[in-house]
């Protein structure tokens, strides 16, 4: 899917919010400035968050719960994490019990990234837009809100 601007990226996040459910992991891959946080903000806004969600770069884990959002979300930014051993200390499994894990820089987890995570990649196109592609686990194939990427 082509994202022509930040508004389109935010809209993609809103579409994701319509189909997420407790236990989901959304792994957002992309370089700095690719639009990962913009997509996350769209998802959070569609779940009811008022105001702009801060980037969790320094907090690492920014949890959102009721009444802020209709479904608990842990927005995680692993940019400052050195490796998988540091991720274990964050206790991210606990957030999956009744909520959604939304992870930026999931490559820092290495093989510890859950196999049932939907892996979304956002990258530039030659004309300066963004391309969103996804690797879908079986639990996402029927709920993916966009045409299946080619």
N, C-alpha and C. Protein backbone atom coordinates (compact mmCIF):
# COMPACT_ATOMS: atom_id res chain seq x y z
N UNK A 1 0.85 -1.16 0.00
CA UNK A 1 0.00 0.00 0.00
C UNK A 1 0.90 1.23 0.00
N UNK A 2 0.52 2.21 -0.78
CA UNK A 2 1.26 3.47 -0.85
C UNK A 2 0.62 4.48 0.10
N UNK A 3 1.44 5.12 0.91
CA UNK A 3 1.00 6.16 1.83
C UNK A 3 1.53 7.48 1.28
N UNK A 4 0.64 8.31 0.78
CA UNK A 4 1.08 9.51 0.07
C UNK A 4 1.58 10.62 1.00
N UNK A 5 1.14 10.59 2.26
CA UNK A 5 1.56 11.63 3.20
C UNK A 5 1.30 11.17 4.63
N UNK A 6 1.59 12.05 5.60
CA UNK A 6 1.40 11.70 7.01
C UNK A 6 -0.06 11.39 7.32
N UNK A 7 -0.98 12.11 6.69
CA UNK A 7 -2.41 11.86 6.93
C UNK A 7 -2.79 10.44 6.49
N UNK A 8 -2.24 9.98 5.39
CA UNK A 8 -2.52 8.62 4.93
C UNK A 8 -1.92 7.58 5.88
N UNK A 9 -0.76 7.90 6.44
CA UNK A 9 -0.12 6.99 7.39
C UNK A 9 -0.94 6.91 8.67
N UNK A 10 -1.43 8.05 9.13
CA UNK A 10 -2.29 8.07 10.31
C UNK A 10 -3.59 7.31 10.04
N UNK A 11 -4.14 7.46 8.85
CA UNK A 11 -5.35 6.74 8.48
C UNK A 11 -5.13 5.23 8.50
N UNK A 12 -3.96 4.79 8.08
CA UNK A 12 -3.63 3.36 8.13
C UNK A 12 -3.68 2.87 9.57
N UNK A 13 -3.18 3.67 10.50
CA UNK A 13 -3.26 3.32 11.91
C UNK A 13 -4.70 3.23 12.40
N UNK A 14 -5.55 4.14 11.93
CA UNK A 14 -6.97 4.10 12.31
C UNK A 14 -7.63 2.82 11.79
N UNK A 15 -7.28 2.41 10.58
CA UNK A 15 -7.83 1.16 10.04
C UNK A 15 -7.38 -0.04 10.88
N UNK A 16 -6.14 -0.04 11.31
CA UNK A 16 -5.65 -1.13 12.17
C UNK A 16 -6.44 -1.19 13.47
N UNK A 17 -6.75 -0.02 14.04
CA UNK A 17 -7.48 0.02 15.30
C UNK A 17 -8.83 -0.67 15.21
N UNK A 18 -9.41 -0.69 14.03
CA UNK A 18 -10.72 -1.31 13.84
C UNK A 18 -10.67 -2.83 13.96
N UNK A 19 -9.48 -3.43 13.83
CA UNK A 19 -9.40 -4.89 13.82
C UNK A 19 -8.50 -5.48 14.90
N UNK A 20 -7.82 -4.65 15.69
CA UNK A 20 -6.94 -5.21 16.72
C UNK A 20 -7.77 -5.79 17.85
N UNK A 21 -7.15 -6.75 18.54
CA UNK A 21 -7.80 -7.35 19.70
C UNK A 21 -6.74 -7.71 20.73
N UNK A 22 -7.19 -7.94 21.93
CA UNK A 22 -6.28 -8.28 23.02
C UNK A 22 -5.39 -9.45 22.62
N UNK A 23 -4.13 -9.33 22.93
CA UNK A 23 -3.15 -10.36 22.62
C UNK A 23 -2.35 -10.08 21.36
N UNK A 24 -2.77 -9.09 20.57
CA UNK A 24 -2.07 -8.78 19.32
C UNK A 24 -0.73 -8.09 19.57
N UNK A 25 0.20 -8.39 18.68
CA UNK A 25 1.48 -7.69 18.64
C UNK A 25 1.62 -7.11 17.23
N UNK A 26 1.84 -5.80 17.17
CA UNK A 26 2.07 -5.12 15.90
C UNK A 26 3.50 -4.62 15.93
N UNK A 27 4.34 -5.16 15.07
CA UNK A 27 5.75 -4.81 15.00
C UNK A 27 5.96 -3.86 13.83
N UNK A 28 6.43 -2.64 14.14
CA UNK A 28 6.61 -1.61 13.11
C UNK A 28 8.08 -1.45 12.77
N UNK A 29 8.44 -1.80 11.55
CA UNK A 29 9.80 -1.69 11.06
C UNK A 29 9.92 -0.49 10.13
N UNK A 30 11.06 0.18 10.16
CA UNK A 30 11.31 1.30 9.26
C UNK A 30 12.39 2.19 9.82
N UNK A 31 13.04 2.92 8.93
CA UNK A 31 14.11 3.83 9.35
C UNK A 31 13.55 4.99 10.15
N UNK A 32 14.44 5.78 10.72
CA UNK A 32 14.03 7.01 11.40
C UNK A 32 13.24 7.87 10.42
N UNK A 33 12.11 8.40 10.87
CA UNK A 33 11.30 9.26 10.03
C UNK A 33 10.41 8.55 9.04
N UNK A 34 10.34 7.23 9.10
CA UNK A 34 9.54 6.46 8.14
C UNK A 34 8.04 6.63 8.34
N UNK A 35 7.62 6.91 9.56
CA UNK A 35 6.20 7.07 9.84
C UNK A 35 5.65 6.09 10.86
N UNK A 36 6.51 5.37 11.56
CA UNK A 36 6.07 4.39 12.55
C UNK A 36 5.24 5.05 13.66
N UNK A 37 5.74 6.14 14.20
CA UNK A 37 5.03 6.83 15.28
C UNK A 37 3.74 7.46 14.77
N UNK A 38 3.74 7.95 13.54
CA UNK A 38 2.52 8.52 12.96
C UNK A 38 1.44 7.45 12.84
N UNK A 39 1.81 6.26 12.39
CA UNK A 39 0.86 5.16 12.30
C UNK A 39 0.35 4.80 13.69
N UNK A 40 1.24 4.74 14.66
CA UNK A 40 0.86 4.43 16.04
C UNK A 40 -0.12 5.48 16.58
N UNK A 41 0.12 6.74 16.28
CA UNK A 41 -0.78 7.80 16.75
C UNK A 41 -2.17 7.67 16.14
N UNK A 42 -2.25 7.24 14.89
CA UNK A 42 -3.55 7.02 14.27
C UNK A 42 -4.31 5.90 14.95
N UNK A 43 -3.61 4.81 15.27
CA UNK A 43 -4.22 3.69 15.97
C UNK A 43 -4.73 4.13 17.33
N UNK A 44 -3.89 4.83 18.08
CA UNK A 44 -4.28 5.26 19.43
C UNK A 44 -5.45 6.25 19.39
N UNK A 45 -5.44 7.15 18.43
CA UNK A 45 -6.54 8.11 18.31
C UNK A 45 -7.86 7.39 18.02
N UNK A 46 -7.80 6.39 17.14
CA UNK A 46 -9.01 5.64 16.80
C UNK A 46 -9.52 4.80 17.97
N UNK A 47 -8.62 4.46 18.90
CA UNK A 47 -9.03 3.72 20.10
C UNK A 47 -9.53 4.65 21.19
N UNK A 48 -9.53 5.97 20.92
CA UNK A 48 -10.11 6.91 21.85
C UNK A 48 -9.16 7.88 22.52
N UNK A 49 -7.87 7.78 22.27
CA UNK A 49 -6.93 8.69 22.91
C UNK A 49 -7.15 10.10 22.41
N UNK A 50 -7.35 11.01 23.35
CA UNK A 50 -7.50 12.42 22.99
C UNK A 50 -6.14 13.09 23.09
N UNK A 51 -5.86 13.98 22.16
CA UNK A 51 -4.55 14.63 22.13
C UNK A 51 -3.55 13.75 21.42
N UNK A 52 -2.36 14.29 21.23
CA UNK A 52 -1.31 13.56 20.51
C UNK A 52 -0.52 12.67 21.45
N UNK A 53 -0.34 11.43 21.05
CA UNK A 53 0.45 10.49 21.83
C UNK A 53 1.92 10.85 21.71
N UNK A 54 2.63 10.93 22.82
CA UNK A 54 4.06 11.22 22.73
C UNK A 54 4.82 10.00 22.20
N UNK A 55 5.94 10.24 21.57
CA UNK A 55 6.80 9.13 21.16
C UNK A 55 7.38 8.51 22.43
N UNK A 56 7.36 7.18 22.53
CA UNK A 56 7.91 6.54 23.73
C UNK A 56 9.42 6.32 23.69
N UNK A 57 10.13 7.09 22.88
CA UNK A 57 11.57 6.89 22.73
C UNK A 57 12.30 6.90 24.07
N UNK A 58 11.99 7.85 24.93
CA UNK A 58 12.70 7.94 26.20
C UNK A 58 12.05 7.13 27.30
N UNK A 59 10.73 7.01 27.29
CA UNK A 59 10.03 6.20 28.29
C UNK A 59 10.20 4.71 27.99
N UNK A 60 10.45 4.36 26.76
CA UNK A 60 10.55 3.01 26.20
C UNK A 60 9.19 2.34 26.12
N UNK A 61 8.43 2.30 27.21
CA UNK A 61 7.09 1.73 27.20
C UNK A 61 6.11 2.80 27.66
N UNK A 62 5.14 3.11 26.82
CA UNK A 62 4.10 4.08 27.16
C UNK A 62 2.77 3.32 27.17
N UNK A 63 2.27 2.97 28.37
CA UNK A 63 1.00 2.23 28.42
C UNK A 63 -0.20 3.17 28.38
N UNK A 64 -1.26 2.70 27.74
CA UNK A 64 -2.54 3.41 27.68
C UNK A 64 -3.62 2.42 28.12
N UNK A 65 -4.47 2.85 29.02
CA UNK A 65 -5.53 1.98 29.50
C UNK A 65 -6.85 2.74 29.59
N UNK A 66 -7.84 2.07 30.12
CA UNK A 66 -9.15 2.66 30.29
C UNK A 66 -9.06 3.77 31.35
N UNK A 67 -9.72 4.85 31.18
CA UNK A 67 -10.67 5.22 30.15
C UNK A 67 -10.04 5.93 28.95
N UNK A 68 -8.71 6.05 28.92
CA UNK A 68 -8.05 6.73 27.80
C UNK A 68 -8.36 6.09 26.45
N UNK A 69 -8.34 4.76 26.42
CA UNK A 69 -8.56 4.01 25.19
C UNK A 69 -9.50 2.84 25.48
N UNK A 70 -10.20 2.38 24.45
CA UNK A 70 -11.18 1.30 24.64
C UNK A 70 -10.53 -0.07 24.78
N UNK A 71 -9.27 -0.20 24.36
CA UNK A 71 -8.50 -1.44 24.48
C UNK A 71 -7.11 -1.04 24.95
N UNK A 72 -6.60 -1.65 26.01
CA UNK A 72 -5.27 -1.28 26.49
C UNK A 72 -4.21 -1.48 25.40
N UNK A 73 -3.29 -0.53 25.33
CA UNK A 73 -2.19 -0.58 24.36
C UNK A 73 -0.90 -0.21 25.09
N UNK A 74 0.14 -0.97 24.83
CA UNK A 74 1.48 -0.59 25.27
C UNK A 74 2.25 -0.20 24.02
N UNK A 75 2.54 1.10 23.90
CA UNK A 75 3.31 1.61 22.76
C UNK A 75 4.78 1.56 23.19
N UNK A 76 5.55 0.75 22.50
CA UNK A 76 6.93 0.46 22.89
C UNK A 76 7.88 0.94 21.81
N UNK A 77 8.96 1.60 22.23
CA UNK A 77 10.00 2.04 21.30
C UNK A 77 11.32 1.46 21.79
N UNK A 78 11.85 0.51 21.04
CA UNK A 78 13.07 -0.19 21.45
C UNK A 78 14.34 0.42 20.86
N UNK A 79 14.26 1.61 20.32
CA UNK A 79 15.41 2.24 19.66
C UNK A 79 16.63 2.31 20.57
N UNK A 80 16.42 2.61 21.84
CA UNK A 80 17.55 2.77 22.77
C UNK A 80 17.94 1.48 23.47
N UNK A 81 17.30 0.37 23.12
CA UNK A 81 17.61 -0.92 23.72
C UNK A 81 18.78 -1.54 22.97
N UNK A 82 19.72 -2.12 23.71
CA UNK A 82 20.90 -2.70 23.08
C UNK A 82 20.66 -4.07 22.46
N UNK A 83 19.79 -4.86 23.06
CA UNK A 83 19.59 -6.19 22.51
C UNK A 83 18.49 -6.95 23.22
N UNK A 84 18.25 -8.18 22.77
CA UNK A 84 17.15 -8.99 23.31
C UNK A 84 17.21 -9.18 24.83
N UNK A 85 18.40 -9.27 25.39
CA UNK A 85 18.51 -9.47 26.84
C UNK A 85 17.91 -8.29 27.62
N UNK A 86 18.01 -7.08 27.07
CA UNK A 86 17.41 -5.91 27.73
C UNK A 86 15.90 -5.88 27.57
N UNK A 87 15.40 -6.45 26.50
CA UNK A 87 13.95 -6.47 26.26
C UNK A 87 13.25 -7.34 27.29
N UNK A 88 13.86 -8.44 27.67
CA UNK A 88 13.25 -9.34 28.65
C UNK A 88 12.91 -8.61 29.95
N UNK A 89 13.74 -7.66 30.33
CA UNK A 89 13.52 -6.92 31.58
C UNK A 89 12.28 -6.03 31.53
N UNK A 90 11.75 -5.75 30.35
CA UNK A 90 10.59 -4.87 30.21
C UNK A 90 9.27 -5.57 30.54
N UNK A 91 9.25 -6.90 30.57
CA UNK A 91 8.03 -7.64 30.89
C UNK A 91 6.90 -7.43 29.90
N UNK A 92 7.23 -7.40 28.62
CA UNK A 92 6.23 -7.10 27.60
C UNK A 92 5.14 -8.15 27.50
N UNK A 93 5.43 -9.39 27.86
CA UNK A 93 4.41 -10.45 27.82
C UNK A 93 3.16 -10.07 28.61
N UNK A 94 3.34 -9.37 29.71
CA UNK A 94 2.22 -8.99 30.57
C UNK A 94 1.22 -8.10 29.84
N UNK A 95 1.69 -7.27 28.92
CA UNK A 95 0.80 -6.36 28.20
C UNK A 95 -0.10 -7.10 27.22
N UNK A 96 0.30 -8.29 26.81
CA UNK A 96 -0.49 -9.07 25.86
C UNK A 96 -1.71 -9.72 26.48
N UNK A 97 -1.73 -9.85 27.78
CA UNK A 97 -2.82 -10.56 28.45
C UNK A 97 -4.16 -9.94 28.11
N UNK A 98 -4.26 -8.61 28.22
CA UNK A 98 -5.55 -7.97 27.97
C UNK A 98 -5.43 -6.78 27.03
N UNK A 99 -4.31 -6.68 26.32
CA UNK A 99 -4.12 -5.52 25.46
C UNK A 99 -3.30 -5.82 24.23
N UNK A 100 -2.88 -4.74 23.59
CA UNK A 100 -2.13 -4.80 22.34
C UNK A 100 -0.72 -4.27 22.58
N UNK A 101 0.26 -4.93 22.02
CA UNK A 101 1.63 -4.44 22.01
C UNK A 101 1.90 -3.82 20.65
N UNK A 102 2.28 -2.57 20.64
CA UNK A 102 2.61 -1.83 19.43
C UNK A 102 4.08 -1.47 19.54
N UNK A 103 4.94 -2.13 18.76
CA UNK A 103 6.38 -2.05 18.98
C UNK A 103 7.10 -1.40 17.81
N UNK A 104 7.80 -0.29 18.10
CA UNK A 104 8.69 0.33 17.12
C UNK A 104 10.10 -0.22 17.37
N UNK A 105 10.84 -0.40 16.31
CA UNK A 105 12.20 -0.96 16.34
C UNK A 105 12.20 -2.40 16.90
N UNK A 106 11.28 -3.26 16.45
CA UNK A 106 11.23 -4.62 16.97
C UNK A 106 12.45 -5.47 16.61
N UNK A 107 13.23 -5.03 15.63
CA UNK A 107 14.43 -5.79 15.29
C UNK A 107 15.40 -5.89 16.46
N UNK A 108 15.27 -4.99 17.44
CA UNK A 108 16.11 -5.04 18.64
C UNK A 108 15.80 -6.27 19.49
N UNK A 109 14.66 -6.91 19.23
CA UNK A 109 14.28 -8.10 19.99
C UNK A 109 14.94 -9.36 19.44
N UNK A 110 15.43 -9.30 18.22
CA UNK A 110 16.01 -10.49 17.60
C UNK A 110 14.97 -11.59 17.47
N UNK A 111 15.36 -12.80 17.78
CA UNK A 111 14.47 -13.96 17.66
C UNK A 111 13.38 -13.97 18.73
N UNK A 112 13.44 -13.06 19.70
CA UNK A 112 12.44 -13.02 20.77
C UNK A 112 11.12 -12.40 20.31
N UNK A 113 11.08 -11.79 19.12
CA UNK A 113 9.82 -11.24 18.61
C UNK A 113 8.85 -12.40 18.38
N UNK A 114 7.66 -12.26 18.90
CA UNK A 114 6.66 -13.31 18.84
C UNK A 114 6.36 -13.70 17.40
N UNK A 115 6.26 -15.00 17.13
CA UNK A 115 5.98 -15.45 15.76
C UNK A 115 4.58 -15.07 15.27
N UNK A 116 3.66 -14.76 16.19
CA UNK A 116 2.31 -14.38 15.78
C UNK A 116 2.15 -12.86 15.62
N UNK A 117 3.26 -12.13 15.65
CA UNK A 117 3.20 -10.67 15.45
C UNK A 117 2.98 -10.36 13.98
N UNK A 118 2.15 -9.35 13.72
CA UNK A 118 2.06 -8.83 12.36
C UNK A 118 3.25 -7.90 12.20
N UNK A 119 3.99 -8.09 11.13
CA UNK A 119 5.21 -7.31 10.88
C UNK A 119 4.92 -6.31 9.76
N UNK A 120 4.90 -5.04 10.14
CA UNK A 120 4.60 -3.97 9.19
C UNK A 120 5.88 -3.21 8.90
N UNK A 121 6.15 -3.03 7.62
CA UNK A 121 7.33 -2.28 7.19
C UNK A 121 6.87 -1.02 6.46
N UNK A 122 7.48 0.10 6.84
CA UNK A 122 7.21 1.37 6.17
C UNK A 122 8.53 1.87 5.63
N UNK A 123 8.57 2.12 4.34
CA UNK A 123 9.81 2.59 3.72
C UNK A 123 9.52 3.55 2.58
N UNK A 124 10.54 4.30 2.20
CA UNK A 124 10.35 5.30 1.14
C UNK A 124 10.22 4.67 -0.24
N UNK A 125 9.49 5.37 -1.10
CA UNK A 125 9.42 5.01 -2.51
C UNK A 125 10.31 5.99 -3.27
N UNK A 126 10.66 5.69 -4.51
CA UNK A 126 11.53 6.60 -5.27
C UNK A 126 10.97 8.02 -5.43
N UNK A 127 9.63 8.15 -5.38
CA UNK A 127 9.03 9.48 -5.55
C UNK A 127 8.76 10.21 -4.24
N UNK A 128 9.32 9.70 -3.12
CA UNK A 128 9.21 10.40 -1.85
C UNK A 128 7.99 10.04 -1.02
N UNK A 129 7.17 9.12 -1.48
CA UNK A 129 6.04 8.67 -0.67
C UNK A 129 6.51 7.52 0.21
N UNK A 130 5.60 6.82 0.83
CA UNK A 130 5.94 5.67 1.67
C UNK A 130 5.18 4.45 1.19
N UNK A 131 5.82 3.30 1.34
CA UNK A 131 5.17 2.03 1.01
C UNK A 131 5.03 1.24 2.30
N UNK A 132 3.81 0.76 2.55
CA UNK A 132 3.54 -0.08 3.71
C UNK A 132 3.37 -1.50 3.19
N UNK A 133 4.14 -2.42 3.75
CA UNK A 133 3.99 -3.84 3.45
C UNK A 133 3.86 -4.59 4.77
N UNK A 134 3.32 -5.78 4.71
CA UNK A 134 3.11 -6.53 5.94
C UNK A 134 3.32 -8.01 5.73
N UNK A 135 3.86 -8.65 6.76
CA UNK A 135 3.93 -10.10 6.85
C UNK A 135 2.87 -10.48 7.87
N UNK A 136 1.90 -11.26 7.42
CA UNK A 136 0.75 -11.58 8.26
C UNK A 136 0.81 -12.99 8.80
N UNK A 137 0.69 -13.15 10.12
CA UNK A 137 0.53 -14.49 10.67
C UNK A 137 -0.90 -14.95 10.39
N UNK A 138 -1.19 -16.23 10.52
CA UNK A 138 -2.54 -16.72 10.23
C UNK A 138 -3.65 -15.97 10.96
N UNK A 139 -3.42 -15.55 12.19
CA UNK A 139 -4.47 -14.87 12.96
C UNK A 139 -4.86 -13.51 12.38
N UNK A 140 -4.06 -12.98 11.46
CA UNK A 140 -4.34 -11.67 10.86
C UNK A 140 -4.89 -11.74 9.45
N UNK A 141 -4.80 -12.87 8.79
CA UNK A 141 -5.15 -12.93 7.38
C UNK A 141 -6.59 -12.54 7.09
N UNK A 142 -7.53 -12.88 7.96
CA UNK A 142 -8.93 -12.54 7.73
C UNK A 142 -9.30 -11.14 8.21
N UNK A 143 -8.44 -10.49 9.00
CA UNK A 143 -8.78 -9.17 9.51
C UNK A 143 -7.96 -8.05 8.92
N UNK A 144 -7.02 -8.37 8.07
CA UNK A 144 -6.16 -7.32 7.51
C UNK A 144 -7.04 -6.32 6.77
N UNK A 145 -6.95 -5.05 7.14
CA UNK A 145 -7.88 -4.04 6.59
C UNK A 145 -7.49 -3.49 5.23
N UNK A 146 -6.42 -3.96 4.65
CA UNK A 146 -5.95 -3.42 3.38
C UNK A 146 -5.83 -4.56 2.38
N UNK A 147 -5.74 -4.23 1.09
CA UNK A 147 -5.45 -5.30 0.12
C UNK A 147 -4.13 -5.97 0.49
N UNK A 148 -4.09 -7.27 0.33
CA UNK A 148 -2.87 -8.00 0.68
C UNK A 148 -1.71 -7.46 -0.16
N UNK A 149 -0.59 -7.07 0.49
CA UNK A 149 0.55 -6.52 -0.26
C UNK A 149 1.12 -7.53 -1.25
N UNK A 150 1.64 -7.00 -2.32
CA UNK A 150 2.24 -7.89 -3.33
C UNK A 150 3.74 -7.73 -3.33
